[in-house]
Protein backbone atom coordinates (compact mmCIF):
# COMPACT_ATOMS: atom_id res chain seq x y z
CA MET A 1 13.75 0.73 10.64
CA ALA A 2 11.19 -1.24 8.97
CA TRP A 3 8.77 -0.77 6.17
CA GLY A 4 5.75 -2.37 4.66
CA LEU A 5 3.33 -0.44 1.02
CA GLY A 6 7.01 -1.49 7.56
CA GLY A 7 14.96 -1.28 12.62
CA ALA A 8 15.50 1.04 14.53
CA SER A 9 13.42 4.00 13.88
CA LEU A 10 10.60 3.64 11.56
CA THR A 11 7.70 1.26 10.57
CA TRP A 12 6.24 1.45 7.07
CA ALA A 13 2.78 -0.26 6.64
CA LEU A 14 1.93 0.63 2.10
CA LEU A 15 -1.43 5.19 4.82
CA ALA A 16 -2.29 7.62 2.34
CA TRP A 17 -0.86 10.41 4.39
CA MET A 18 2.45 10.06 3.00
CA THR A 19 4.59 12.97 3.53
CA GLY A 20 5.84 13.55 0.04
CA ALA A 21 3.12 16.26 -0.64
CA GLU A 22 4.28 18.33 2.22
CA GLN A 23 7.67 18.68 0.35
CA PRO A 24 7.99 22.04 -1.01
CA GLN A 25 7.76 21.62 -4.44
CA GLU A 26 9.23 25.39 -5.65
CA LEU A 27 12.07 26.02 -3.39
CA SER A 28 14.21 27.58 -5.79
CA SER A 29 12.26 27.02 -8.89
CA SER A 30 10.85 30.22 -8.87
CA SER A 31 14.33 32.12 -8.77
CA GLY A 32 14.05 34.85 -11.37
CA PHE A 33 10.70 33.57 -12.74
CA GLY A 34 8.89 36.60 -12.15
CA VAL A 35 11.48 38.95 -13.80
CA CYS A 36 11.31 36.49 -17.09
CA ARG A 37 7.58 36.35 -16.79
CA LYS A 38 7.38 40.14 -16.96
CA THR A 39 9.78 40.54 -19.62
CA LEU A 40 8.58 37.91 -22.22
CA ASN A 41 5.06 37.94 -21.00
CA LEU A 42 5.16 33.93 -20.98
CA SER A 43 3.94 31.21 -18.75
CA ARG A 44 6.53 28.56 -17.41
CA LEU A 45 6.41 25.08 -18.54
CA GLU A 46 4.94 23.00 -15.57
CA VAL A 47 5.52 19.35 -17.01
CA LEU A 48 9.22 19.31 -15.91
CA PRO A 49 11.82 16.63 -14.84
CA GLY A 50 13.93 16.68 -12.00
CA GLY A 51 11.42 15.70 -9.25
CA GLY A 52 11.41 12.62 -6.98
CA TRP A 53 9.13 9.84 -8.28
CA ASP A 54 7.66 6.75 -5.97
CA ASN A 55 8.02 3.91 -8.78
CA LEU A 56 5.52 1.58 -6.58
CA ARG A 57 2.57 4.02 -6.24
CA ASN A 58 3.30 6.17 -9.66
CA LEU A 59 3.61 9.37 -7.25
CA ASP A 60 5.20 12.75 -8.01
CA MET A 61 7.32 13.49 -4.73
CA GLY A 62 9.91 16.11 -3.60
CA ARG A 63 12.08 18.08 -5.71
CA VAL A 64 15.37 16.59 -6.29
CA ILE A 65 16.89 18.90 -8.81
CA ASN A 66 17.26 22.56 -8.45
CA LEU A 67 15.28 24.65 -11.02
CA GLY A 68 16.17 28.37 -11.77
CA TYR A 69 15.08 30.80 -14.42
CA SER A 70 18.09 33.23 -14.64
CA GLN A 71 18.53 32.52 -18.14
CA CYS A 72 14.90 33.36 -19.23
CA LYS A 73 14.98 30.31 -21.74
CA THR A 74 12.03 29.09 -23.94
CA THR A 75 10.96 26.23 -25.51
CA GLU A 76 12.07 26.17 -29.37
CA ASP A 77 8.63 27.41 -30.17
CA GLY A 78 8.92 30.40 -27.72
CA SER A 79 5.50 29.10 -26.09
CA TYR A 80 6.82 28.42 -22.53
CA LEU A 81 9.44 29.45 -20.09
CA ILE A 82 11.59 26.60 -19.07
CA PRO A 83 14.23 26.53 -16.24
CA ASP A 84 17.96 26.81 -16.83
CA GLU A 85 18.66 23.17 -16.28
CA ILE A 86 15.89 22.05 -18.75
CA PHE A 87 15.87 21.72 -22.45
CA THR A 88 12.93 20.55 -24.59
CA ILE A 89 12.48 18.79 -27.52
CA PRO A 90 9.07 19.88 -29.60
CA ARG A 91 6.92 17.19 -31.26
CA LYS A 92 5.93 19.28 -33.97
CA GLN A 93 3.96 16.67 -35.46
CA SER A 94 1.21 16.91 -32.81
CA ASN A 95 -1.19 14.29 -34.66
CA LEU A 96 -3.25 12.57 -32.63
CA ASP A 97 -2.41 8.66 -31.84
CA ILE A 98 -5.45 6.47 -31.39
CA ASN A 99 -5.23 2.88 -30.50
CA SER A 100 -7.29 0.20 -28.80
CA GLU A 101 -5.92 -2.70 -26.78
CA ILE A 102 -6.89 -5.74 -24.78
CA ILE A 103 -5.57 -6.55 -21.33
CA GLU A 104 -6.54 -9.71 -20.27
CA SER A 105 -4.48 -10.12 -16.98
CA TRP A 106 -3.74 -7.19 -14.25
CA LYS A 107 -0.43 -8.61 -14.43
CA ASP A 108 0.46 -7.20 -17.88
CA TYR A 109 -1.30 -3.75 -16.94
CA GLN A 110 0.46 -0.86 -17.81
CA SER A 111 0.37 2.70 -16.34
CA ILE A 112 -1.23 5.02 -18.83
CA THR A 113 1.20 7.99 -17.79
CA SER A 114 3.99 6.14 -16.09
CA ALA A 115 4.88 2.82 -18.41
CA SER A 116 8.51 3.69 -19.19
CA ILE A 117 9.80 4.25 -15.64
CA ASN A 118 8.04 1.54 -14.31
CA LEU A 119 10.09 -0.73 -16.82
CA GLU A 120 13.05 0.65 -15.08
CA LEU A 121 15.42 -2.42 -14.00
CA SER A 122 17.63 -1.27 -11.41
CA LEU A 123 15.59 -2.26 -8.60
CA PHE A 124 12.79 -4.84 -8.21
CA SER A 125 10.92 -3.90 -11.54
CA SER A 126 8.22 -6.67 -11.11
CA ILE A 127 6.26 -4.62 -8.13
CA ASN A 128 6.80 -1.26 -9.89
CA GLY A 129 3.43 0.51 -10.09
CA LYS A 130 1.74 -2.08 -8.33
CA PHE A 131 0.42 0.17 -5.40
CA SER A 132 -0.78 2.88 -8.02
CA SER A 133 -4.40 3.53 -7.92
CA ASP A 134 -4.81 2.83 -11.65
CA PHE A 135 -3.59 -0.70 -11.14
CA HIS A 136 -5.28 -1.54 -8.02
CA ARG A 137 -8.45 -0.34 -9.88
CA THR A 138 -8.10 -2.78 -12.76
CA LYS A 139 -6.80 -5.63 -10.39
CA THR A 140 -9.83 -5.38 -8.20
CA HIS A 141 -12.67 -5.28 -11.29
CA GLN A 142 -10.89 -8.29 -13.03
CA VAL A 143 -10.56 -10.34 -9.99
CA ARG A 144 -14.27 -9.22 -8.69
CA ASP A 145 -16.02 -9.22 -11.89
CA LYS A 146 -13.94 -12.01 -13.95
CA ALA A 147 -13.30 -9.65 -16.36
CA VAL A 148 -10.65 -8.24 -18.86
CA THR A 149 -9.75 -4.87 -19.95
CA THR A 150 -10.17 -2.80 -22.86
CA ARG A 151 -8.44 0.62 -23.46
CA VAL A 152 -8.83 3.07 -26.09
CA GLN A 153 -7.05 6.14 -26.09
CA VAL A 154 -6.15 9.34 -27.86
CA ARG A 155 -2.79 10.58 -27.07
CA ASN A 156 -1.10 14.06 -28.42
CA LEU A 157 2.32 14.69 -27.60
CA VAL A 158 3.51 18.01 -27.71
CA TYR A 159 6.87 18.19 -25.90
CA THR A 160 9.82 16.09 -24.25
CA ALA A 161 11.33 17.95 -21.54
CA LYS A 162 14.81 16.53 -20.27
CA ILE A 163 16.80 17.65 -17.46
CA ASP A 164 20.71 18.41 -17.63
CA PRO A 165 22.76 15.49 -15.89
CA GLU A 166 24.94 17.96 -13.98
CA ALA A 167 22.42 20.10 -12.66
CA ALA A 168 22.78 20.91 -8.80
CA LEU A 169 20.65 19.34 -6.39
CA ASP A 170 17.82 21.11 -4.59
CA LYS A 171 18.79 23.02 -1.43
CA ALA A 172 16.25 21.23 0.85
CA PHE A 173 17.35 17.73 -0.53
CA LYS A 174 21.02 18.43 -0.40
CA LYS A 175 20.08 19.65 3.22
CA GLN A 176 18.90 16.26 4.36
CA LEU A 177 21.76 14.36 2.53
CA LEU A 178 24.58 16.31 4.50
CA THR A 179 22.42 15.58 7.55
CA ILE A 180 22.54 11.82 6.83
CA ALA A 181 26.43 12.04 6.11
CA SER A 182 26.93 13.74 9.10
CA HIS A 183 25.48 10.73 11.12
CA LEU A 184 27.30 8.60 9.30
CA GLU A 185 30.41 10.21 9.87
CA ASN A 186 29.87 10.11 13.83
CA ASN A 187 29.14 6.38 13.51
CA GLN A 188 25.17 7.04 14.40
CA THR A 189 24.20 4.50 11.87
CA GLN A 190 20.98 3.79 13.28
CA MET A 191 19.85 7.29 12.99
CA ALA A 192 21.38 7.49 9.46
CA ASP A 193 19.24 4.86 8.56
CA PHE A 194 15.92 6.32 9.93
CA LEU A 195 16.65 9.49 8.04
CA ALA A 196 17.82 7.60 4.94
CA GLU A 197 13.95 5.97 5.12
CA VAL A 198 12.62 9.48 5.80
CA LEU A 199 14.20 11.04 2.54
CA VAL A 200 12.68 8.00 0.46
CA LEU A 201 9.49 8.47 2.23
CA ASN A 202 9.51 12.26 0.93
CA TYR A 203 11.33 12.15 -2.41
CA GLY A 204 10.33 8.51 -3.36
CA THR A 205 12.68 6.11 -5.14
CA HIS A 206 13.64 7.71 -8.30
CA THR A 207 14.00 11.00 -10.04
CA ILE A 208 12.54 12.03 -13.05
CA THR A 209 15.09 12.61 -15.87
CA SER A 210 12.54 12.93 -18.89
CA VAL A 211 9.03 13.75 -18.98
CA ASP A 212 6.86 13.68 -22.24
CA ALA A 213 4.02 16.48 -22.12
CA GLY A 214 1.22 16.42 -23.69
CA ALA A 215 -2.72 15.45 -23.07
CA THR A 216 -4.71 11.82 -23.69
CA LEU A 217 -8.17 10.89 -23.74
CA VAL A 218 -8.80 7.47 -22.34
CA GLN A 219 -11.56 5.06 -22.01
CA GLU A 220 -11.19 1.78 -19.92
CA ASP A 221 -13.85 -0.93 -20.18
CA GLN A 222 -14.18 -3.95 -18.17
CA ILE A 223 -15.94 -6.87 -19.98
CA LYS A 224 -16.72 -10.43 -18.81
CA ALA A 225 -14.03 -12.65 -19.65
CA THR A 226 -16.25 -15.28 -21.13
CA PHE A 227 -17.24 -12.77 -23.82
CA LEU A 228 -13.53 -12.59 -24.78
CA LYS A 229 -13.15 -16.58 -25.00
CA ASP A 230 -16.03 -17.04 -27.17
CA SER A 231 -15.06 -18.78 -30.29
CA TRP A 232 -16.61 -16.13 -32.63
CA ALA A 233 -15.73 -13.13 -30.30
CA THR A 234 -12.18 -12.62 -32.20
CA ARG A 235 -9.78 -10.04 -30.65
CA SER A 236 -10.03 -7.62 -33.50
CA ALA A 237 -13.73 -7.65 -33.20
CA VAL A 238 -13.49 -6.82 -29.37
CA THR A 239 -11.26 -4.06 -29.83
CA ALA A 240 -13.30 -2.68 -32.70
CA SER A 241 -16.36 -2.59 -30.59
CA ALA A 242 -14.30 -0.87 -27.58
CA GLY A 243 -13.52 1.74 -30.27
CA VAL A 244 -17.00 1.95 -31.20
CA ALA A 245 -17.96 2.47 -27.64
CA PHE A 246 -15.33 5.26 -27.23
CA HIS A 247 -16.44 7.10 -30.50
CA SER A 248 -20.05 7.02 -29.53
CA ILE A 249 -19.55 9.32 -26.54
CA ILE A 250 -17.28 11.71 -28.43
CA ASN A 251 -17.73 13.30 -31.91
CA ALA A 252 -14.71 12.01 -33.42
CA GLY A 253 -14.72 14.02 -36.51
CA THR A 254 -13.69 10.79 -38.90
CA LYS A 255 -15.34 9.50 -41.54
CA GLU A 256 -16.34 6.14 -39.76
CA SER A 257 -19.38 7.36 -38.06
CA LEU A 258 -19.55 4.02 -36.16
CA ASP A 259 -22.56 1.67 -35.63
CA VAL A 260 -23.25 1.41 -32.02
CA SER A 261 -26.43 -0.41 -33.23
CA SER A 262 -24.27 -3.33 -34.87
CA GLY A 263 -24.86 -6.72 -33.28
CA PHE A 264 -21.59 -7.52 -31.98
CA THR A 265 -21.40 -3.82 -30.26
CA LYS A 266 -24.48 -4.73 -28.82
CA GLN A 267 -23.08 -8.07 -27.48
CA TYR A 268 -19.86 -6.05 -26.29
CA LEU A 269 -21.99 -3.18 -24.09
CA ASP A 270 -24.15 -6.17 -22.74
CA ASN A 271 -21.20 -7.59 -21.30
CA ARG A 272 -19.54 -4.64 -20.20
CA THR A 273 -19.55 -4.48 -16.17
CA ASN A 274 -17.71 -1.08 -16.06
CA SER A 275 -16.66 1.85 -17.98
CA ARG A 276 -14.45 4.57 -17.06
CA VAL A 277 -13.64 7.60 -19.61
CA GLU A 278 -10.77 10.16 -18.14
CA SER A 279 -9.31 13.06 -19.76
CA ILE A 280 -5.57 13.54 -18.81
CA GLY A 281 -4.80 17.12 -19.75
CA GLY A 282 -6.72 19.10 -22.48
CA ALA A 283 -10.08 19.99 -21.55
CA PRO A 284 -12.24 18.21 -18.83
CA PHE A 285 -14.02 15.47 -20.44
CA TYR A 286 -18.09 15.62 -20.81
CA PRO A 287 -20.16 13.71 -23.24
CA GLY A 288 -20.20 14.76 -26.45
CA ILE A 289 -16.90 16.77 -26.63
CA THR A 290 -14.99 16.75 -29.82
CA LEU A 291 -11.54 15.82 -30.55
CA LYS A 292 -11.26 18.88 -32.15
CA THR A 293 -12.36 20.88 -29.22
CA TRP A 294 -10.20 18.75 -26.70
CA GLN A 295 -7.22 19.24 -28.85
CA GLU A 296 -7.52 22.81 -29.20
CA ARG A 297 -7.30 23.30 -25.70
CA ILE A 298 -4.07 20.90 -25.30
CA GLN A 299 -1.81 23.58 -25.21
CA ASN A 300 -2.77 25.33 -22.02
CA GLN A 301 -3.33 22.15 -20.33
CA LEU A 302 -0.39 19.89 -20.61
CA VAL A 303 0.32 17.12 -18.39
CA ALA A 304 3.06 14.13 -18.06
CA LEU A 305 2.18 11.60 -20.54
CA ASP A 306 5.30 9.39 -19.89
CA SER A 307 8.68 9.77 -18.12
CA LEU A 308 12.24 8.14 -17.80
CA GLY A 309 14.16 8.42 -14.61
CA LEU A 310 16.83 6.65 -12.44
CA PRO A 311 16.95 5.76 -8.78
CA LEU A 312 17.49 8.44 -6.25
CA TYR A 313 20.65 7.25 -5.12
CA TYR A 314 22.45 7.87 -8.75
CA PHE A 315 22.11 11.54 -8.09
CA ILE A 316 24.10 11.23 -4.66
CA ARG A 317 27.49 11.64 -6.44
CA PRO A 318 30.94 13.64 -5.34
CA SER A 319 30.15 16.37 -8.06
CA ALA A 320 26.76 17.40 -6.62
CA LEU A 321 28.23 17.34 -3.01
CA LEU A 322 31.51 19.06 -3.19
CA GLU A 323 31.13 20.01 0.67
CA LEU A 324 32.14 16.02 1.23
CA PRO A 325 35.03 13.98 0.19
CA VAL A 326 34.46 11.12 -2.13
CA ALA A 327 34.37 8.38 0.48
CA PRO A 328 31.38 9.91 2.55
CA VAL A 329 29.42 10.62 -0.35
CA ARG A 330 29.91 7.01 -1.67
CA ARG A 331 28.71 5.49 1.71
CA LEU A 332 25.99 7.82 1.95
CA ALA A 333 24.73 6.98 -1.78
CA ARG A 334 24.87 3.25 -0.62
CA ARG A 335 22.87 3.93 2.48
CA VAL A 336 20.16 5.52 0.46
CA GLU A 337 20.19 2.61 -2.06
CA LEU A 338 19.74 0.42 0.95
CA ALA A 339 16.95 2.34 2.20
CA ILE A 340 15.07 2.19 -0.85
CA ARG A 341 15.80 -1.62 -1.49
CA ARG A 342 14.20 -2.12 1.91
CA TYR A 343 11.23 -0.43 0.77
CA TYR A 344 10.85 -2.83 -2.22
CA THR A 345 11.45 -5.60 -0.09
CA PHE A 346 8.95 -4.99 2.42
CA ASN A 347 6.48 -4.34 -0.23
CA THR A 348 6.93 -7.41 -1.84
CA THR A 349 4.35 -10.05 -1.15
CA PRO A 350 4.84 -13.33 -2.44
CA GLY A 351 2.05 -15.55 -3.38
CA CYS A 352 -0.12 -17.17 -5.94
CA THR A 353 -1.26 -14.66 -8.58
CA ASP A 354 -3.51 -17.02 -10.72
CA PRO A 355 -7.13 -15.86 -9.91
CA SER A 356 -8.32 -19.66 -11.15
CA SER A 357 -6.21 -21.13 -8.60
CA PRO A 358 -8.04 -22.23 -5.33
CA ASN A 359 -4.57 -20.84 -3.65
CA PHE A 360 -4.91 -17.58 -5.07
CA ASN A 361 -3.78 -14.39 -2.92
CA PHE A 362 -5.26 -11.26 -3.74
CA HIS A 363 -2.64 -9.40 -1.83
CA ALA A 364 0.11 -11.13 -3.67
CA ASN A 365 2.23 -8.96 -6.31
CA THR A 366 4.84 -11.66 -6.94
CA ASP A 367 4.05 -15.47 -7.82
CA ASP A 368 6.08 -17.84 -5.69
CA GLY A 369 4.89 -20.83 -7.45
CA SER A 370 2.32 -21.76 -4.87
CA CYS A 371 -0.74 -21.64 -7.09
CA LYS A 372 -0.48 -25.60 -7.72
CA GLY A 373 -1.03 -27.83 -4.68
CA THR A 374 -3.63 -28.16 -1.80
CA MET A 375 -4.98 -25.78 0.58
CA ALA A 376 -6.18 -28.52 3.18
CA ASN A 377 -3.26 -28.02 5.37
CA PHE A 378 -2.44 -24.95 7.34
CA THR A 379 -0.18 -23.97 10.17
CA PHE A 380 -2.82 -22.11 12.45
CA GLY A 381 -4.38 -24.36 15.14
CA GLY A 382 -6.12 -21.78 16.70
CA VAL A 383 -5.96 -19.91 19.99
CA PHE A 384 -7.16 -20.46 23.56
CA GLN A 385 -6.84 -18.31 26.53
CA GLU A 386 -6.73 -19.71 30.15
CA CYS A 387 -7.70 -17.62 33.40
CA VAL A 388 -6.58 -18.18 37.01
CA VAL A 389 -8.05 -16.49 40.12
CA LEU A 390 -5.84 -14.19 42.23
CA GLY A 391 -8.24 -13.19 44.69
CA GLY A 392 -11.51 -11.47 45.35
CA PRO A 393 -15.18 -12.08 44.76
CA ASP A 394 -17.30 -12.72 41.77
CA THR A 395 -13.98 -13.70 40.12
CA GLY A 396 -15.69 -16.71 38.20
CA ALA A 397 -17.75 -14.44 36.12
CA LEU A 398 -14.87 -12.31 35.39
CA CYS A 399 -12.90 -15.22 34.25
CA ARG A 400 -15.71 -16.64 32.10
CA ALA A 401 -15.71 -13.45 29.90
CA LEU A 402 -11.84 -13.76 29.31
CA GLU A 403 -11.46 -17.68 29.00
CA GLN A 404 -11.52 -19.00 25.29
CA ARG A 405 -11.53 -22.51 24.58
CA ASN A 406 -10.12 -23.55 21.24
CA PRO A 407 -12.90 -24.90 19.21
CA LEU A 408 -10.65 -27.26 17.45
CA THR A 409 -9.88 -29.47 20.93
CA GLY A 410 -12.92 -28.25 23.45
CA ALA A 411 -10.25 -27.44 25.75
CA PHE A 412 -7.47 -24.95 26.45
CA SER A 413 -5.14 -27.03 24.47
CA CYS A 414 -3.69 -27.40 20.96
CA PRO A 415 -4.66 -30.27 18.46
CA THR A 416 -2.26 -32.86 17.81
CA ALA A 417 0.87 -31.71 16.02
CA TYR A 418 0.35 -28.19 17.23
CA THR A 419 2.33 -26.50 19.99
CA PRO A 420 1.14 -23.76 22.28
CA VAL A 421 3.15 -20.51 21.98
CA LEU A 422 2.72 -17.93 24.76
CA LEU A 423 1.61 -14.72 23.45
CA GLY A 424 1.39 -12.68 26.70
CA VAL A 425 0.14 -12.52 30.17
CA GLN A 426 -2.21 -9.84 31.37
CA GLU A 427 -4.08 -9.17 34.92
CA ARG A 428 -7.35 -7.83 35.07
CA GLU A 429 -9.00 -6.20 37.98
CA GLU A 430 -12.61 -5.05 38.57
CA GLY A 431 -14.08 -3.29 41.61
CA HIS A 432 -17.22 -4.18 43.30
CA SER A 433 -19.20 -2.26 45.78
CA HIS A 434 -22.61 -3.01 47.76
CA LEU A 435 -24.13 -1.45 50.61
CA GLU A 436 -24.20 -3.55 53.95
CA CYS A 437 -26.46 -2.68 56.59
CA HIS A 438 -26.85 -4.16 60.30
CA ASN A 439 -28.43 -3.22 63.52
CA LYS A 440 -26.27 -1.44 66.08
CA CYS A 441 -27.89 -1.48 69.49
CA THR A 442 -26.85 0.45 72.89
CA LEU A 443 -27.76 -1.46 75.89
CA GLY A 444 -29.24 -3.85 74.09
CA ILE A 445 -32.46 -2.10 73.71
CA PHE A 446 -31.64 1.14 71.72
CA CYS A 447 -31.00 0.11 68.12
CA HIS A 448 -30.59 1.67 64.91
CA ARG A 449 -29.92 0.41 61.31
CA GLU A 450 -26.43 1.37 60.11
CA CYS A 451 -25.21 1.03 56.45
CA GLN A 452 -22.04 1.68 54.61
CA ASP A 453 -20.45 0.99 51.14
CA VAL A 454 -17.99 -1.91 51.26
CA PHE A 455 -15.51 -2.21 48.08
CA TRP A 456 -14.23 -5.36 47.16
CA LEU A 457 -11.39 -5.91 44.34
CA SER A 458 -11.44 -8.93 42.03
CA ARG A 459 -8.28 -9.92 40.30
CA VAL A 460 -7.73 -12.59 37.82
CA GLN A 461 -4.77 -13.31 35.51
CA PHE A 462 -5.27 -14.80 31.84
CA ARG A 463 -2.47 -16.35 29.65
CA ALA A 464 -3.04 -16.08 25.53
CA TYR A 465 -1.61 -19.01 23.33
CA TRP A 466 -1.88 -19.70 19.82
CA CYS A 467 -1.12 -23.14 18.33
CA ALA A 468 1.84 -23.56 15.84
CA ALA A 469 2.46 -26.59 13.67
CA SER A 470 5.26 -28.31 15.50
CA GLY A 471 5.78 -30.61 11.97
CA PRO A 472 3.83 -32.23 9.31
CA VAL A 473 0.07 -31.72 10.20
CA ALA A 474 -3.08 -33.84 8.99
CA LEU A 475 -4.88 -33.33 5.95
CA ASN A 476 -7.84 -30.98 6.51
CA SER A 477 -6.62 -29.45 9.92
CA GLY A 478 -6.13 -26.30 10.94
CA TYR A 479 -7.65 -22.81 10.59
CA LEU A 480 -7.90 -20.47 7.71
CA PHE A 481 -7.12 -17.05 9.21
CA GLY A 482 -9.33 -14.09 8.12
CA GLY A 483 -7.60 -11.06 9.92
CA LEU A 484 -8.12 -9.30 13.36
CA PHE A 485 -10.14 -6.80 14.82
CA SER A 486 -11.26 -5.07 18.24
CA THR A 487 -13.73 -2.17 19.22
CA HIS A 488 -10.94 -0.26 18.57
CA GLY A 489 -9.62 -1.22 15.18
CA ALA A 490 -11.49 -2.60 11.94
CA ASN A 491 -10.52 -5.64 10.17
CA PRO A 492 -8.68 -4.64 6.87
CA ILE A 493 -10.43 -7.53 4.70
CA THR A 494 -13.90 -6.29 5.93
CA ARG A 495 -13.31 -2.84 6.66
CA ALA A 496 -15.15 -3.08 9.85
CA PRO A 497 -14.98 -4.76 13.43
CA SER A 498 -16.18 -8.15 12.06
CA CYS A 499 -14.94 -11.32 10.13
CA PRO A 500 -15.40 -12.13 6.68
CA SER A 501 -18.25 -14.28 5.56
CA GLY A 502 -17.93 -17.92 6.79
CA PHE A 503 -15.37 -16.84 9.56
CA PHE A 504 -16.03 -16.63 13.15
CA PRO A 505 -14.23 -14.62 15.89
CA LEU A 506 -12.00 -16.37 18.93
CA LYS A 507 -11.23 -14.21 21.90
CA LEU A 508 -7.67 -12.90 22.32
CA PHE A 509 -6.58 -10.80 25.04
CA GLY A 510 -9.38 -8.44 26.10
CA GLU A 511 -11.14 -6.84 22.94
CA LEU A 512 -9.10 -8.66 20.42
CA ARG A 513 -10.73 -10.77 18.17
CA VAL A 514 -9.09 -13.66 15.86
CA CYS A 515 -11.24 -14.61 12.61
CA VAL A 516 -10.75 -18.50 11.84
CA SER A 517 -12.74 -20.64 9.46
CA GLN A 518 -12.59 -24.48 8.47
CA ASP A 519 -14.57 -23.73 5.43
CA TYR A 520 -11.80 -24.50 2.98
CA GLU A 521 -13.45 -23.71 -0.26
CA ALA A 522 -16.15 -20.88 0.62
CA GLY A 523 -13.64 -19.25 3.17
CA ALA A 524 -10.46 -19.51 0.77
CA LYS A 525 -11.23 -16.40 -1.03
CA TYR A 526 -11.20 -14.03 2.04
CA ALA A 527 -8.35 -16.06 3.69
CA VAL A 528 -5.06 -14.32 4.28
CA PRO A 529 -1.97 -16.32 4.25
CA PHE A 530 -0.91 -16.90 7.91
CA GLY A 531 2.76 -16.35 8.79
CA GLY A 532 2.48 -16.81 12.58
CA PHE A 533 2.24 -14.55 15.41
CA PHE A 534 4.85 -12.39 16.92
CA SER A 535 5.63 -11.73 20.60
CA CYS A 536 8.61 -10.40 22.17
CA GLN A 537 8.41 -13.31 24.54
CA ALA A 538 8.59 -16.17 22.19
CA GLY A 539 9.33 -14.53 18.81
CA ASN A 540 7.53 -16.37 15.83
CA PRO A 541 8.21 -20.11 15.63
CA LEU A 542 6.91 -20.21 12.33
CA ALA A 543 9.79 -18.03 11.20
CA GLY A 544 12.47 -20.12 13.13
CA GLN A 545 12.86 -18.08 16.31
CA GLN A 546 12.74 -19.14 19.78
CA ARG A 547 12.43 -16.14 21.27
CA GLY A 548 11.75 -12.74 20.53
CA THR A 549 14.49 -9.50 20.24
CA ALA A 550 13.74 -6.09 19.81
CA GLU A 551 15.39 -6.37 16.35
CA ASP A 552 12.96 -9.29 15.47
CA HIS A 553 10.10 -7.26 16.91
CA ARG A 554 10.98 -4.48 14.34
CA ARG A 555 11.48 -7.06 11.62
CA TYR A 556 8.07 -8.48 12.18
CA ARG A 557 6.31 -5.21 12.49
CA ALA A 558 7.83 -4.32 9.09
CA ARG A 559 5.50 -6.79 7.12
CA GLY A 560 2.94 -4.56 5.84
CA TYR A 561 -0.54 -6.11 5.41
CA ARG A 562 -2.16 -5.54 2.00
CA GLU A 563 -5.41 -4.71 2.39
CA LEU A 564 -8.04 -6.06 -0.07
CA GLY A 565 -9.75 -3.33 -1.64
CA THR A 566 -7.26 -0.27 -0.67
CA GLY A 567 -4.37 1.42 -2.23
CA ASN A 568 -1.63 0.47 0.19
CA SER A 569 0.85 2.99 1.50
CA PRO A 570 3.48 3.13 3.74
CA ALA A 571 2.97 4.73 7.44
CA PRO A 572 5.57 5.54 10.10
CA ALA A 573 5.24 4.48 13.54
CA SER A 574 7.14 5.59 16.60
CA PRO A 575 9.75 2.60 17.41
CA GLU A 576 8.74 3.35 21.12
CA HIS A 577 5.60 1.72 20.69
CA SER A 578 5.11 -2.27 21.17
CA THR A 579 2.42 -4.27 19.56
CA VAL A 580 0.38 -6.85 21.05
CA LEU A 581 0.58 -8.97 17.93
CA SER A 582 2.42 -9.03 14.97
CA VAL A 583 1.63 -11.47 12.04
CA GLY A 584 4.48 -12.31 9.87
CA GLU A 585 5.07 -12.88 6.30
CA GLY A 586 1.59 -12.24 4.25
CA TYR A 587 -0.39 -10.55 7.26
CA GLN A 588 0.45 -7.79 10.14
CA GLN A 589 -2.42 -6.41 12.18
CA GLU A 590 -0.94 -4.19 14.71
CA MET A 591 -2.54 -3.56 17.79
CA GLU A 592 -1.93 -0.59 20.35
CA GLY A 593 -0.66 -2.00 23.54
CA THR A 594 2.46 -3.40 25.51
CA VAL A 595 3.52 -6.88 25.22
CA PRO A 596 4.89 -7.81 28.75
C-alpha cells in the first residue's frame, strides 16, 4: 500500500474527501447523556479529548476512546456535564492573554490551536502541521508576496480537559483493530497492511489526551519583508503597529486608545499585503465588536485552543484488547505504527526551502541542502514519439498527428549523454468510408450508375520514449519539467489543461502533454523537481531500476504530488488501476489508462 499528503492495496496522493469525517463521532458518547441532562439540566462540554487527530493536517478524526455518561459527572464549577472518562482542570483566572509576534519565515509558523501536539516528537515532527490550511495560507502569502507575518491574539482559557489513560477503546475503533488482528493471525499481511492504512485514514496519526478549552480572537497580517528590514523599522515598533491595527477594529476597552494616524502605523498599514481576523470560539467576529462582548459569550462557545496527544498505536495495548493474547496485540500495534510512518514518509518532500535560492522548491517541506548550487543541469532530456504504419489508407496523416520529435535534437532521438527509455507501445485505428460509384451495363447498352459505401481501416503503431541522463550531463542541457496535463486532467501547477508561463507542451501517447522549458531563470519558479517517469516495462532508471515490477509500480505511485496552491490530502485509489505514467520523488501525475 502506498501513500502520498500515496503496496498492495491503497494509494495516497495529500484530496479533501478524507473519510475521517464519515466516522461516527458519537458512537457511545451519548450513553446516559439524556438521563443526566434531564436530571441536572446541563449542557455537556463539547471540547473533549479521546478523538483521533491527523497531525499533518491538524484535523479532528474519528473517536478512539469510548465516552459515557453513566456517572453524570460535571466540571468542578458545575457548568457542564463531562464523560466518565474525562476530568477537567478549571482555569479560574480567566483573564485575557494579549500578545503580538512576528513570524519571519513560514518554516517557523505554529498553529494557533495545535501548537503543542505539532511538537510531539514520536514521529517526523518536522512536517507536523505542514498540510494544514493555516500553514499553507501563510506559506503562500509569504512566498508569493515576499512578506512576513505578524500575529496579534487575545486568548481566554477556561478549562483543560484530560482523558483517563486507562479508558476503554471506542467500539467501532476496537472492531477495526480486531479485524486487522484477525488478518495478521491468518498470515494475510497484505490485507492487514491495507486495513491499517484505512485505519489511519479514518482515525489519523494521534489520539488527543488533553485539550485546552476556551476562545481566541486573532489577527494575522502579511507585511512586506522589506518594511521589516528597514533600519528604522524595529521589531518592537512593528509589533506595536500590529497591535494598533488590531485594536482599531475592536473596542479593546483599555486605556490606550491607540492612534492609527501615527506615522509609523500608517507605514505599517501601507506595507500590509493581506490581513485576516478570525474569532475561534466566543462570539463571531464583526467590525466594532468589543472585547467585553466577545468575552461574555465565550462560556457557551468553547473550542479547542491547544491539545496534547500520543501516536495512535500507543493505545493499542493488551489492557485495551483483552480479547487477544499479548503477542498479537503487540504485532497489531506495530502494523499500525508502520502504517503511520509510511503516511509520514510519503508526505515528506525533500528540497530547497529557502525562497531566496534559485533552487527553491515551493512543494518541499524538508530541507535537503539543495539550496546551494546551480540549476543548469537537469536529468530530463525531453520526450519523443515514433509512429509506424501497420496498414490501410491515409495512415500518413494519422502518424503525423501522433509523432513527436524531441526539440532538443530535432529528431526522434535523445541528446548526447541521455538514453531513450520506452514508456509504452500503443496502436491507433481510424476508420474511413467513402462513396464509390461506377456504371453497370447490360449488353453494353443498358447502363445505370451504382454507388456503395466502402469502409477502410487505417492502423498505426506508436512508441513513446523519454530521455533519461545516462551519466553526467553538460551545463545548460536538459529541460525544466512543468507538469503534465490532458484533455481529461488539469496540470496541478496551473489547475488547467495548460502549461505554466514559459513552458511549452510536448505530445505523449494520445492526449497527454508534457510541459518543458529551457528558460532556466524565468521558468524555475514553476518547475517541479523531476524524479523520472515510471513504466512497468522499464521501471525508472533515475531510481536505479532496470525493469518495473508490480511492487515498483505501487511504490512510485506513492510519491504524492504536492500541488502549488492547494491543501494536499491523501486519496486512495484501487490497486487494480495501472497508470500511464508515474513520476518519482518530487512529482507524480497519474493518468488513467493501461500500461502494456
